Amino acid sequence: MAKTTPQSYANHARLDPPFHFFLVWLCFAAVILSVILLVRHPRMSSILWVLLAIGLLVTATKARTYSLKVQDRIIRLEERLRLAMLLPEAARTRIGELTESQLIALRFASDAELPALALRAVNEGLTNKQIKSSIQSWRPDYLRV
């Protein structure tokens, strides 16, 4: 998705082409081919290839999930700081009641609608999908990987 395309609820999900279209498929192919090798030629070296292929797949998956978790932590911090600046004094004590998922979804709300939407999320227990679909003025996040 080019940065010139306005981001919205309909198109905000992102794929990382090197990971989703190359590395994942390469790892799956390695696992499948190593299992075929093991079935055709059951040797200790074939077992090793299966284990290495599975290890490669697990390593690639964990590397991706770790980087996403770090991004989530940073987004959580940014949104807490943003809420502390935008919420009225009396409502700031409720920031801690927002879940990680809610904070991550609120990053797409504009500064003008963030306070009301954040309080609504806390009061009504909105899910991240409900929060995102409630946003009227979308604040794009093109940096998410």
N, C-alpha and C. Protein backbone atom coordinates (compact mmCIF):
# COMPACT_ATOMS: atom_id res chain seq x y z
N MET A 1 0.85 -1.17 0.00
CA MET A 1 0.00 0.00 0.00
C MET A 1 0.90 1.24 0.00
N ALA A 2 0.68 2.08 -0.96
CA ALA A 2 1.46 3.31 -1.05
C ALA A 2 0.98 4.31 0.00
N LYS A 3 1.89 5.17 0.40
CA LYS A 3 1.54 6.16 1.42
C LYS A 3 0.55 7.19 0.88
N THR A 4 0.39 7.27 -0.44
CA THR A 4 -0.56 8.22 -1.00
C THR A 4 -1.99 7.73 -0.85
N THR A 5 -2.18 6.43 -0.66
CA THR A 5 -3.51 5.89 -0.43
C THR A 5 -3.93 6.20 1.00
N PRO A 6 -5.05 6.90 1.17
CA PRO A 6 -5.49 7.20 2.54
C PRO A 6 -5.79 5.91 3.30
N GLN A 7 -5.27 5.82 4.49
CA GLN A 7 -5.50 4.64 5.31
C GLN A 7 -6.86 4.75 5.98
N SER A 8 -7.54 3.61 6.08
CA SER A 8 -8.86 3.56 6.72
C SER A 8 -9.03 2.20 7.39
N TYR A 9 -10.18 2.00 8.00
CA TYR A 9 -10.46 0.71 8.64
C TYR A 9 -10.41 -0.42 7.60
N ALA A 10 -10.86 -0.13 6.39
CA ALA A 10 -10.93 -1.15 5.34
C ALA A 10 -9.55 -1.59 4.85
N ASN A 11 -8.54 -0.73 4.94
CA ASN A 11 -7.24 -1.08 4.35
C ASN A 11 -6.06 -0.89 5.30
N HIS A 12 -6.29 -0.87 6.61
CA HIS A 12 -5.19 -0.57 7.54
C HIS A 12 -4.30 -1.77 7.83
N ALA A 13 -4.77 -2.99 7.59
CA ALA A 13 -3.94 -4.17 7.86
C ALA A 13 -2.78 -4.20 6.87
N ARG A 14 -1.62 -4.61 7.37
CA ARG A 14 -0.44 -4.60 6.52
C ARG A 14 0.21 -5.98 6.48
N LEU A 15 0.76 -6.27 5.34
CA LEU A 15 1.57 -7.48 5.19
C LEU A 15 3.01 -7.05 4.97
N ASP A 16 3.92 -7.85 5.45
CA ASP A 16 5.34 -7.61 5.23
C ASP A 16 5.77 -8.58 4.14
N PRO A 17 5.87 -8.13 2.88
CA PRO A 17 6.11 -9.04 1.77
C PRO A 17 7.31 -9.98 1.95
N PRO A 18 8.48 -9.52 2.41
CA PRO A 18 9.58 -10.48 2.57
C PRO A 18 9.25 -11.60 3.57
N PHE A 19 8.48 -11.28 4.60
CA PHE A 19 8.12 -12.31 5.57
C PHE A 19 6.96 -13.16 5.07
N HIS A 20 5.83 -12.50 4.72
CA HIS A 20 4.61 -13.23 4.38
C HIS A 20 4.66 -13.95 3.04
N PHE A 21 5.38 -13.41 2.07
CA PHE A 21 5.38 -14.01 0.74
C PHE A 21 6.65 -14.75 0.39
N PHE A 22 7.68 -14.66 1.21
CA PHE A 22 8.92 -15.37 0.91
C PHE A 22 9.34 -16.28 2.06
N LEU A 23 9.67 -15.70 3.20
CA LEU A 23 10.25 -16.46 4.30
C LEU A 23 9.32 -17.55 4.83
N VAL A 24 8.06 -17.23 5.03
CA VAL A 24 7.12 -18.23 5.54
C VAL A 24 7.00 -19.41 4.57
N TRP A 25 6.87 -19.10 3.29
CA TRP A 25 6.74 -20.18 2.29
C TRP A 25 8.03 -20.97 2.16
N LEU A 26 9.16 -20.31 2.27
CA LEU A 26 10.44 -21.01 2.23
C LEU A 26 10.57 -21.97 3.40
N CYS A 27 10.16 -21.54 4.57
CA CYS A 27 10.21 -22.40 5.76
C CYS A 27 9.27 -23.59 5.62
N PHE A 28 8.05 -23.35 5.15
CA PHE A 28 7.11 -24.46 4.95
C PHE A 28 7.65 -25.45 3.93
N ALA A 29 8.22 -24.95 2.85
CA ALA A 29 8.81 -25.83 1.83
C ALA A 29 9.94 -26.65 2.42
N ALA A 30 10.76 -26.03 3.26
CA ALA A 30 11.87 -26.76 3.89
C ALA A 30 11.35 -27.87 4.79
N VAL A 31 10.29 -27.59 5.55
CA VAL A 31 9.71 -28.61 6.42
C VAL A 31 9.15 -29.76 5.58
N ILE A 32 8.38 -29.44 4.56
CA ILE A 32 7.76 -30.47 3.71
C ILE A 32 8.81 -31.31 3.01
N LEU A 33 9.80 -30.65 2.42
CA LEU A 33 10.85 -31.39 1.71
C LEU A 33 11.68 -32.25 2.66
N SER A 34 11.93 -31.75 3.85
CA SER A 34 12.71 -32.55 4.80
C SER A 34 11.91 -33.76 5.30
N VAL A 35 10.60 -33.62 5.44
CA VAL A 35 9.76 -34.76 5.82
C VAL A 35 9.73 -35.79 4.69
N ILE A 36 9.61 -35.32 3.46
CA ILE A 36 9.66 -36.24 2.31
C ILE A 36 10.98 -36.99 2.29
N LEU A 37 12.08 -36.27 2.52
CA LEU A 37 13.40 -36.90 2.57
C LEU A 37 13.46 -37.94 3.67
N LEU A 38 12.90 -37.63 4.82
CA LEU A 38 12.90 -38.58 5.94
C LEU A 38 12.10 -39.84 5.61
N VAL A 39 10.94 -39.66 4.95
CA VAL A 39 10.10 -40.81 4.60
C VAL A 39 10.81 -41.68 3.55
N ARG A 40 11.43 -41.06 2.57
CA ARG A 40 12.10 -41.81 1.50
C ARG A 40 13.42 -42.42 1.95
N HIS A 41 14.14 -41.71 2.77
CA HIS A 41 15.47 -42.16 3.21
C HIS A 41 15.58 -41.97 4.73
N PRO A 42 14.98 -42.87 5.50
CA PRO A 42 15.00 -42.72 6.96
C PRO A 42 16.40 -42.94 7.55
N ARG A 43 17.09 -41.85 7.76
CA ARG A 43 18.43 -41.88 8.35
C ARG A 43 18.50 -40.82 9.44
N MET A 44 19.56 -40.88 10.18
CA MET A 44 19.76 -39.88 11.22
C MET A 44 19.90 -38.48 10.61
N SER A 45 20.55 -38.37 9.46
CA SER A 45 20.71 -37.07 8.82
C SER A 45 19.36 -36.52 8.35
N SER A 46 18.43 -37.38 7.95
CA SER A 46 17.09 -36.93 7.54
C SER A 46 16.33 -36.36 8.73
N ILE A 47 16.49 -37.01 9.88
CA ILE A 47 15.85 -36.50 11.10
C ILE A 47 16.41 -35.12 11.43
N LEU A 48 17.70 -34.98 11.28
CA LEU A 48 18.35 -33.69 11.54
C LEU A 48 17.79 -32.60 10.62
N TRP A 49 17.58 -32.91 9.34
CA TRP A 49 17.03 -31.92 8.40
C TRP A 49 15.62 -31.51 8.79
N VAL A 50 14.81 -32.47 9.25
CA VAL A 50 13.45 -32.14 9.70
C VAL A 50 13.53 -31.19 10.90
N LEU A 51 14.38 -31.53 11.85
CA LEU A 51 14.51 -30.69 13.04
C LEU A 51 15.01 -29.29 12.69
N LEU A 52 15.98 -29.21 11.79
CA LEU A 52 16.49 -27.90 11.38
C LEU A 52 15.43 -27.08 10.65
N ALA A 53 14.65 -27.73 9.79
CA ALA A 53 13.60 -27.02 9.05
C ALA A 53 12.53 -26.50 10.02
N ILE A 54 12.15 -27.33 10.97
CA ILE A 54 11.17 -26.89 11.97
C ILE A 54 11.75 -25.76 12.81
N GLY A 55 13.02 -25.88 13.17
CA GLY A 55 13.68 -24.81 13.92
C GLY A 55 13.71 -23.51 13.15
N LEU A 56 13.95 -23.58 11.85
CA LEU A 56 13.95 -22.38 11.01
C LEU A 56 12.56 -21.73 10.98
N LEU A 57 11.54 -22.55 10.85
CA LEU A 57 10.16 -22.03 10.85
C LEU A 57 9.81 -21.38 12.19
N VAL A 58 10.17 -22.03 13.27
CA VAL A 58 9.89 -21.47 14.60
C VAL A 58 10.67 -20.18 14.81
N THR A 59 11.93 -20.15 14.39
CA THR A 59 12.76 -18.95 14.53
C THR A 59 12.17 -17.77 13.76
N ALA A 60 11.75 -18.02 12.52
CA ALA A 60 11.17 -16.95 11.70
C ALA A 60 9.88 -16.43 12.35
N THR A 61 9.05 -17.35 12.82
CA THR A 61 7.78 -16.96 13.45
C THR A 61 8.01 -16.18 14.73
N LYS A 62 8.93 -16.64 15.56
CA LYS A 62 9.22 -15.94 16.82
C LYS A 62 9.82 -14.57 16.57
N ALA A 63 10.70 -14.45 15.58
CA ALA A 63 11.30 -13.15 15.26
C ALA A 63 10.20 -12.15 14.88
N ARG A 64 9.24 -12.61 14.12
CA ARG A 64 8.12 -11.74 13.72
C ARG A 64 7.26 -11.36 14.92
N THR A 65 6.91 -12.33 15.75
CA THR A 65 6.05 -12.03 16.90
C THR A 65 6.76 -11.16 17.92
N TYR A 66 8.06 -11.35 18.10
CA TYR A 66 8.79 -10.50 19.04
C TYR A 66 8.79 -9.04 18.57
N SER A 67 9.02 -8.82 17.28
CA SER A 67 9.04 -7.44 16.79
C SER A 67 7.66 -6.80 16.89
N LEU A 68 6.61 -7.57 16.63
CA LEU A 68 5.25 -7.03 16.78
C LEU A 68 4.94 -6.71 18.23
N LYS A 69 5.41 -7.53 19.15
CA LYS A 69 5.17 -7.28 20.58
C LYS A 69 5.89 -6.01 21.02
N VAL A 70 7.09 -5.78 20.52
CA VAL A 70 7.82 -4.54 20.85
C VAL A 70 7.06 -3.34 20.30
N GLN A 71 6.56 -3.45 19.08
CA GLN A 71 5.78 -2.35 18.51
C GLN A 71 4.53 -2.09 19.35
N ASP A 72 3.88 -3.16 19.80
CA ASP A 72 2.68 -3.00 20.63
C ASP A 72 3.02 -2.28 21.93
N ARG A 73 4.15 -2.61 22.53
CA ARG A 73 4.54 -1.94 23.77
C ARG A 73 4.80 -0.45 23.54
N ILE A 74 5.44 -0.13 22.43
CA ILE A 74 5.72 1.28 22.11
C ILE A 74 4.42 2.03 21.83
N ILE A 75 3.52 1.40 21.08
CA ILE A 75 2.22 2.02 20.79
C ILE A 75 1.47 2.27 22.09
N ARG A 76 1.50 1.28 22.99
CA ARG A 76 0.83 1.41 24.28
C ARG A 76 1.36 2.62 25.04
N LEU A 77 2.67 2.78 25.07
CA LEU A 77 3.28 3.92 25.75
C LEU A 77 2.90 5.23 25.08
N GLU A 78 2.98 5.28 23.76
CA GLU A 78 2.62 6.50 23.02
C GLU A 78 1.18 6.89 23.28
N GLU A 79 0.29 5.92 23.25
CA GLU A 79 -1.13 6.24 23.44
C GLU A 79 -1.43 6.67 24.87
N ARG A 80 -0.75 6.09 25.84
CA ARG A 80 -0.94 6.54 27.23
C ARG A 80 -0.48 7.99 27.40
N LEU A 81 0.64 8.32 26.78
CA LEU A 81 1.13 9.71 26.84
C LEU A 81 0.16 10.65 26.11
N ARG A 82 -0.32 10.21 24.96
CA ARG A 82 -1.26 11.02 24.19
C ARG A 82 -2.56 11.23 24.96
N LEU A 83 -3.06 10.17 25.58
CA LEU A 83 -4.28 10.29 26.39
C LEU A 83 -4.06 11.21 27.60
N ALA A 84 -2.88 11.14 28.21
CA ALA A 84 -2.58 11.99 29.36
C ALA A 84 -2.61 13.46 28.95
N MET A 85 -2.25 13.75 27.71
CA MET A 85 -2.29 15.13 27.23
C MET A 85 -3.68 15.57 26.79
N LEU A 86 -4.48 14.65 26.26
CA LEU A 86 -5.75 15.03 25.65
C LEU A 86 -6.98 14.85 26.54
N LEU A 87 -6.92 13.94 27.50
CA LEU A 87 -8.08 13.71 28.37
C LEU A 87 -8.21 14.82 29.41
N PRO A 88 -9.42 15.13 29.81
CA PRO A 88 -9.60 16.07 30.91
C PRO A 88 -8.98 15.50 32.18
N GLU A 89 -8.60 16.36 33.08
CA GLU A 89 -7.93 15.95 34.33
C GLU A 89 -8.66 14.83 35.05
N ALA A 90 -9.97 14.92 35.17
CA ALA A 90 -10.76 13.94 35.92
C ALA A 90 -10.75 12.56 35.25
N ALA A 91 -10.60 12.52 33.94
CA ALA A 91 -10.66 11.25 33.21
C ALA A 91 -9.31 10.56 33.10
N ARG A 92 -8.23 11.25 33.42
CA ARG A 92 -6.88 10.67 33.26
C ARG A 92 -6.65 9.45 34.13
N THR A 93 -7.35 9.36 35.24
CA THR A 93 -7.17 8.20 36.13
C THR A 93 -7.70 6.91 35.50
N ARG A 94 -8.50 7.03 34.46
CA ARG A 94 -9.10 5.86 33.82
C ARG A 94 -8.22 5.28 32.71
N ILE A 95 -7.11 5.93 32.39
CA ILE A 95 -6.22 5.45 31.33
C ILE A 95 -5.77 4.02 31.62
N GLY A 96 -5.48 3.72 32.85
CA GLY A 96 -5.02 2.39 33.23
C GLY A 96 -6.05 1.29 33.03
N GLU A 97 -7.31 1.66 32.86
CA GLU A 97 -8.37 0.68 32.65
C GLU A 97 -8.44 0.19 31.21
N LEU A 98 -7.80 0.90 30.30
CA LEU A 98 -7.80 0.49 28.90
C LEU A 98 -6.89 -0.73 28.73
N THR A 99 -7.36 -1.69 27.94
CA THR A 99 -6.55 -2.88 27.67
C THR A 99 -5.50 -2.58 26.60
N GLU A 100 -4.55 -3.47 26.47
CA GLU A 100 -3.53 -3.30 25.44
C GLU A 100 -4.18 -3.23 24.06
N SER A 101 -5.12 -4.09 23.81
CA SER A 101 -5.81 -4.13 22.52
C SER A 101 -6.56 -2.82 22.25
N GLN A 102 -7.20 -2.28 23.27
CA GLN A 102 -7.92 -1.01 23.11
C GLN A 102 -6.95 0.13 22.81
N LEU A 103 -5.84 0.18 23.54
CA LEU A 103 -4.85 1.25 23.32
C LEU A 103 -4.29 1.19 21.90
N ILE A 104 -4.02 -0.02 21.44
CA ILE A 104 -3.45 -0.18 20.09
C ILE A 104 -4.47 0.26 19.03
N ALA A 105 -5.74 -0.04 19.25
CA ALA A 105 -6.78 0.38 18.31
C ALA A 105 -7.00 1.89 18.34
N LEU A 106 -6.86 2.50 19.52
CA LEU A 106 -7.10 3.94 19.66
C LEU A 106 -6.06 4.78 18.93
N ARG A 107 -4.94 4.20 18.55
CA ARG A 107 -3.90 4.99 17.87
C ARG A 107 -4.40 5.57 16.55
N PHE A 108 -5.45 4.97 15.98
CA PHE A 108 -5.98 5.44 14.70
C PHE A 108 -6.96 6.62 14.86
N ALA A 109 -7.38 6.91 16.08
CA ALA A 109 -8.33 8.01 16.31
C ALA A 109 -7.62 9.35 16.28
N SER A 110 -8.27 10.32 15.69
CA SER A 110 -7.70 11.67 15.66
C SER A 110 -7.71 12.25 17.06
N ASP A 111 -6.90 13.28 17.28
CA ASP A 111 -6.84 13.92 18.59
C ASP A 111 -8.21 14.45 19.02
N ALA A 112 -9.00 14.91 18.07
CA ALA A 112 -10.30 15.48 18.40
C ALA A 112 -11.28 14.43 18.94
N GLU A 113 -11.24 13.24 18.39
CA GLU A 113 -12.21 12.23 18.84
C GLU A 113 -11.64 11.22 19.83
N LEU A 114 -10.35 11.29 20.11
CA LEU A 114 -9.73 10.32 21.01
C LEU A 114 -10.30 10.35 22.43
N PRO A 115 -10.45 11.49 23.08
CA PRO A 115 -10.95 11.48 24.46
C PRO A 115 -12.31 10.79 24.61
N ALA A 116 -13.25 11.15 23.76
CA ALA A 116 -14.59 10.56 23.87
C ALA A 116 -14.56 9.07 23.55
N LEU A 117 -13.80 8.69 22.55
CA LEU A 117 -13.74 7.28 22.16
C LEU A 117 -13.03 6.44 23.21
N ALA A 118 -12.00 6.99 23.84
CA ALA A 118 -11.28 6.27 24.89
C ALA A 118 -12.20 6.02 26.09
N LEU A 119 -12.94 7.05 26.49
CA LEU A 119 -13.87 6.88 27.62
C LEU A 119 -14.99 5.91 27.27
N ARG A 120 -15.44 5.95 26.03
CA ARG A 120 -16.46 5.01 25.58
C ARG A 120 -15.91 3.58 25.60
N ALA A 121 -14.66 3.42 25.19
CA ALA A 121 -14.03 2.09 25.19
C ALA A 121 -13.95 1.53 26.61
N VAL A 122 -13.60 2.38 27.56
CA VAL A 122 -13.52 1.95 28.96
C VAL A 122 -14.91 1.62 29.49
N ASN A 123 -15.86 2.51 29.29
CA ASN A 123 -17.21 2.35 29.85
C ASN A 123 -17.98 1.19 29.24
N GLU A 124 -17.83 1.01 27.92
CA GLU A 124 -18.61 -0.02 27.22
C GLU A 124 -17.81 -1.29 26.95
N GLY A 125 -16.52 -1.28 27.26
CA GLY A 125 -15.68 -2.45 27.00
C GLY A 125 -15.57 -2.78 25.52
N LEU A 126 -15.39 -1.76 24.70
CA LEU A 126 -15.31 -1.97 23.25
C LEU A 126 -14.11 -2.83 22.88
N THR A 127 -14.28 -3.65 21.84
CA THR A 127 -13.17 -4.44 21.30
C THR A 127 -12.37 -3.56 20.35
N ASN A 128 -11.21 -4.05 19.95
CA ASN A 128 -10.39 -3.26 19.02
C ASN A 128 -11.12 -3.04 17.69
N LYS A 129 -11.86 -4.03 17.22
CA LYS A 129 -12.62 -3.87 15.97
C LYS A 129 -13.72 -2.84 16.12
N GLN A 130 -14.40 -2.84 17.27
CA GLN A 130 -15.45 -1.86 17.50
C GLN A 130 -14.87 -0.45 17.59
N ILE A 131 -13.71 -0.33 18.21
CA ILE A 131 -13.05 0.98 18.30
C ILE A 131 -12.69 1.48 16.92
N LYS A 132 -12.02 0.63 16.13
CA LYS A 132 -11.59 1.04 14.80
C LYS A 132 -12.76 1.40 13.90
N SER A 133 -13.85 0.64 13.99
CA SER A 133 -15.00 0.96 13.13
C SER A 133 -15.75 2.20 13.61
N SER A 134 -15.53 2.62 14.85
CA SER A 134 -16.18 3.83 15.38
C SER A 134 -15.44 5.10 15.02
N ILE A 135 -14.23 4.98 14.55
CA ILE A 135 -13.41 6.17 14.26
C ILE A 135 -13.95 6.89 13.02
N GLN A 136 -14.18 8.18 13.17
CA GLN A 136 -14.69 9.00 12.07
C GLN A 136 -13.55 9.65 11.28
N SER A 137 -12.56 10.15 11.99
CA SER A 137 -11.42 10.81 11.35
C SER A 137 -10.19 9.95 11.59
N TRP A 138 -9.84 9.15 10.60
CA TRP A 138 -8.77 8.16 10.72
C TRP A 138 -7.40 8.83 10.75
N ARG A 139 -6.59 8.45 11.72
CA ARG A 139 -5.21 8.92 11.87
C ARG A 139 -4.31 7.76 11.42
N PRO A 140 -3.73 7.84 10.23
CA PRO A 140 -3.01 6.68 9.68
C PRO A 140 -1.75 6.33 10.45
N ASP A 141 -1.41 5.05 10.41
CA ASP A 141 -0.18 4.53 10.98
C ASP A 141 0.53 3.75 9.89
N TYR A 142 1.40 4.41 9.14
CA TYR A 142 2.10 3.77 8.04
C TYR A 142 3.39 3.09 8.50
N LEU A 143 3.77 3.27 9.76
CA LEU A 143 5.05 2.73 10.23
C LEU A 143 4.93 1.32 10.77
N ARG A 144 3.73 0.84 11.01
CA ARG A 144 3.54 -0.50 11.56
C ARG A 144 4.04 -1.54 10.56
N VAL A 145 4.78 -2.51 11.06
CA VAL A 145 5.29 -3.57 10.19
C VAL A 145 4.47 -4.82 10.42
